[in-house]
Amino acid sequence: MYLEELHQLLTAVQTGLADGRAHAERARSLLEESRRALVEPQAQAVPWVPPQLAQADEGLENLLTRLSAADDLVSGYQSRL
């Protein structure tokens, strides 16, 4: 490989790195805009949570307890086999 070819290849790499840096900086900017778009409205508003949410959470907790108990029963049965 000639010195001139190596120089051209390194220049191409530097150009690619600069392009990559520009894309990353744009992505960072878009990410910050997205964060602001999500956070600012929530900070200004009073969040509304439907009352059914607490009921659903309690129902899921009961279901998880029952599933855990069923798993314990099956494990106990399996260990006795």
C-alpha atoms as a PDB file:
ATOM      1  CA  MET A   1       0.000   0.000   0.000  1.00  0.00           C
ATOM      2  CA  TYR A   2       1.333   3.370  -0.954  1.00  0.00           C
ATOM      3  CA  LEU A   3       1.564   6.236   1.462  1.00  0.00           C
ATOM      4  CA  GLU A   4      -0.919   8.265  -0.606  1.00  0.00           C
ATOM      5  CA  GLU A   5      -3.492   5.415  -0.456  1.00  0.00           C
ATOM      6  CA  LEU A   6      -3.081   5.148   3.281  1.00  0.00           C
ATOM      7  CA  HIS A   7      -3.563   8.893   3.592  1.00  0.00           C
ATOM      8  CA  GLN A   8      -6.775   8.712   1.519  1.00  0.00           C
ATOM      9  CA  LEU A   9      -8.101   5.836   3.594  1.00  0.00           C
ATOM     10  CA  LEU A  10      -7.369   7.670   6.832  1.00  0.00           C
ATOM     11  CA  THR A  11      -9.095  10.760   5.469  1.00  0.00           C
ATOM     12  CA  ALA A  12     -12.130   8.628   4.609  1.00  0.00           C
ATOM     13  CA  VAL A  13     -12.126   7.205   8.137  1.00  0.00           C
ATOM     14  CA  GLN A  14     -11.941  10.704   9.595  1.00  0.00           C
ATOM     15  CA  THR A  15     -14.856  11.767   7.395  1.00  0.00           C
ATOM     16  CA  GLY A  16     -16.856   8.759   8.572  1.00  0.00           C
ATOM     17  CA  LEU A  17     -16.048   9.546  12.184  1.00  0.00           C
ATOM     18  CA  ALA A  18     -17.152  13.144  11.714  1.00  0.00           C
ATOM     19  CA  ASP A  19     -20.405  11.967  10.124  1.00  0.00           C
ATOM     20  CA  GLY A  20     -20.955   9.535  12.961  1.00  0.00           C
ATOM     21  CA  ARG A  21     -20.307  12.247  15.531  1.00  0.00           C
ATOM     22  CA  ALA A  22     -22.784  14.567  13.780  1.00  0.00           C
ATOM     23  CA  HIS A  23     -25.440  11.841  13.770  1.00  0.00           C
ATOM     24  CA  ALA A  24     -24.816  11.064  17.429  1.00  0.00           C
ATOM     25  CA  GLU A  25     -25.079  14.731  18.373  1.00  0.00           C
ATOM     26  CA  ARG A  26     -28.358  15.017  16.441  1.00  0.00           C
ATOM     27  CA  ALA A  27     -29.674  11.898  18.163  1.00  0.00           C
ATOM     28  CA  ARG A  28     -28.702  13.364  21.535  1.00  0.00           C
ATOM     29  CA  SER A  29     -30.533  16.568  20.677  1.00  0.00           C
ATOM     30  CA  LEU A  30     -33.655  14.649  19.616  1.00  0.00           C
ATOM     31  CA  LEU A  31     -33.494  12.581  22.774  1.00  0.00           C
ATOM     32  CA  GLU A  32     -33.361  15.722  24.908  1.00  0.00           C
ATOM     33  CA  GLU A  33     -36.325  17.190  22.999  1.00  0.00           C
ATOM     34  CA  SER A  34     -38.244  13.972  23.598  1.00  0.00           C
ATOM     35  CA  ARG A  35     -37.433  14.053  27.286  1.00  0.00           C
ATOM     36  CA  ARG A  36     -38.652  17.621  27.582  1.00  0.00           C
ATOM     37  CA  ALA A  37     -41.823  16.781  25.641  1.00  0.00           C
ATOM     38  CA  LEU A  38     -42.568  13.999  28.110  1.00  0.00           C
ATOM     39  CA  VAL A  39     -41.547  15.662  31.368  1.00  0.00           C
ATOM     40  CA  GLU A  40     -42.742  19.243  31.001  1.00  0.00           C
ATOM     41  CA  PRO A  41     -46.461  18.514  30.476  1.00  0.00           C
ATOM     42  CA  GLN A  42     -46.470  16.124  33.425  1.00  0.00           C
ATOM     43  CA  ALA A  43     -44.806  18.682  35.670  1.00  0.00           C
ATOM     44  CA  GLN A  44     -47.458  21.266  34.831  1.00  0.00           C
ATOM     45  CA  ALA A  45     -50.484  19.012  35.140  1.00  0.00           C
ATOM     46  CA  VAL A  46     -52.042  17.140  38.005  1.00  0.00           C
ATOM     47  CA  PRO A  47     -51.803  13.481  37.055  1.00  0.00           C
ATOM     48  CA  TRP A  48     -55.121  11.671  36.816  1.00  0.00           C
ATOM     49  CA  VAL A  49     -55.171   8.064  37.896  1.00  0.00           C
ATOM     50  CA  PRO A  50     -58.379   6.088  37.430  1.00  0.00           C
ATOM     51  CA  PRO A  51     -59.704   4.461  40.623  1.00  0.00           C
ATOM     52  CA  GLN A  52     -59.849   1.124  38.828  1.00  0.00           C
ATOM     53  CA  LEU A  53     -56.055   1.143  38.738  1.00  0.00           C
ATOM     54  CA  ALA A  54     -55.808   0.439  42.477  1.00  0.00           C
ATOM     55  CA  GLN A  55     -58.431  -2.297  42.166  1.00  0.00           C
ATOM     56  CA  ALA A  56     -56.545  -3.865  39.257  1.00  0.00           C
ATOM     57  CA  ASP A  57     -53.300  -3.713  41.223  1.00  0.00           C
ATOM     58  CA  GLU A  58     -54.928  -5.428  44.207  1.00  0.00           C
ATOM     59  CA  GLY A  59     -56.435  -8.073  41.931  1.00  0.00           C
ATOM     60  CA  LEU A  60     -53.068  -8.769  40.351  1.00  0.00           C
ATOM     61  CA  GLU A  61     -51.436  -9.042  43.759  1.00  0.00           C
ATOM     62  CA  ASN A  62     -54.067 -11.602  44.800  1.00  0.00           C
ATOM     63  CA  LEU A  63     -53.536 -13.514  41.570  1.00  0.00           C
ATOM     64  CA  LEU A  64     -49.769 -13.560  42.079  1.00  0.00           C
ATOM     65  CA  THR A  65     -50.237 -14.849  45.628  1.00  0.00           C
ATOM     66  CA  ARG A  66     -52.508 -17.623  44.393  1.00  0.00           C
ATOM     67  CA  LEU A  67     -50.120 -18.551  41.584  1.00  0.00           C
ATOM     68  CA  SER A  68     -47.235 -18.690  44.041  1.00  0.00           C
ATOM     69  CA  ALA A  69     -49.247 -20.954  46.334  1.00  0.00           C
ATOM     70  CA  ALA A  70     -50.138 -23.198  43.397  1.00  0.00           C
ATOM     71  CA  ASP A  71     -46.491 -23.364  42.391  1.00  0.00           C
ATOM     72  CA  ASP A  72     -45.545 -24.354  45.938  1.00  0.00           C
ATOM     73  CA  LEU A  73     -48.185 -27.112  45.894  1.00  0.00           C
ATOM     74  CA  VAL A  74     -47.003 -28.461  42.547  1.00  0.00           C
ATOM     75  CA  SER A  75     -43.353 -28.314  43.651  1.00  0.00           C
ATOM     76  CA  GLY A  76     -44.213 -30.174  46.852  1.00  0.00           C
ATOM     77  CA  TYR A  77     -46.127 -32.796  44.929  1.00  0.00           C
ATOM     78  CA  GLN A  78     -43.309 -33.155  42.403  1.00  0.00           C
ATOM     79  CA  SER A  79     -40.699 -33.596  45.147  1.00  0.00           C
ATOM     80  CA  ARG A  80     -42.748 -36.404  46.702  1.00  0.00           C
ATOM     81  CA  LEU A  81     -42.838 -38.323  43.436  1.00  0.00           C
END
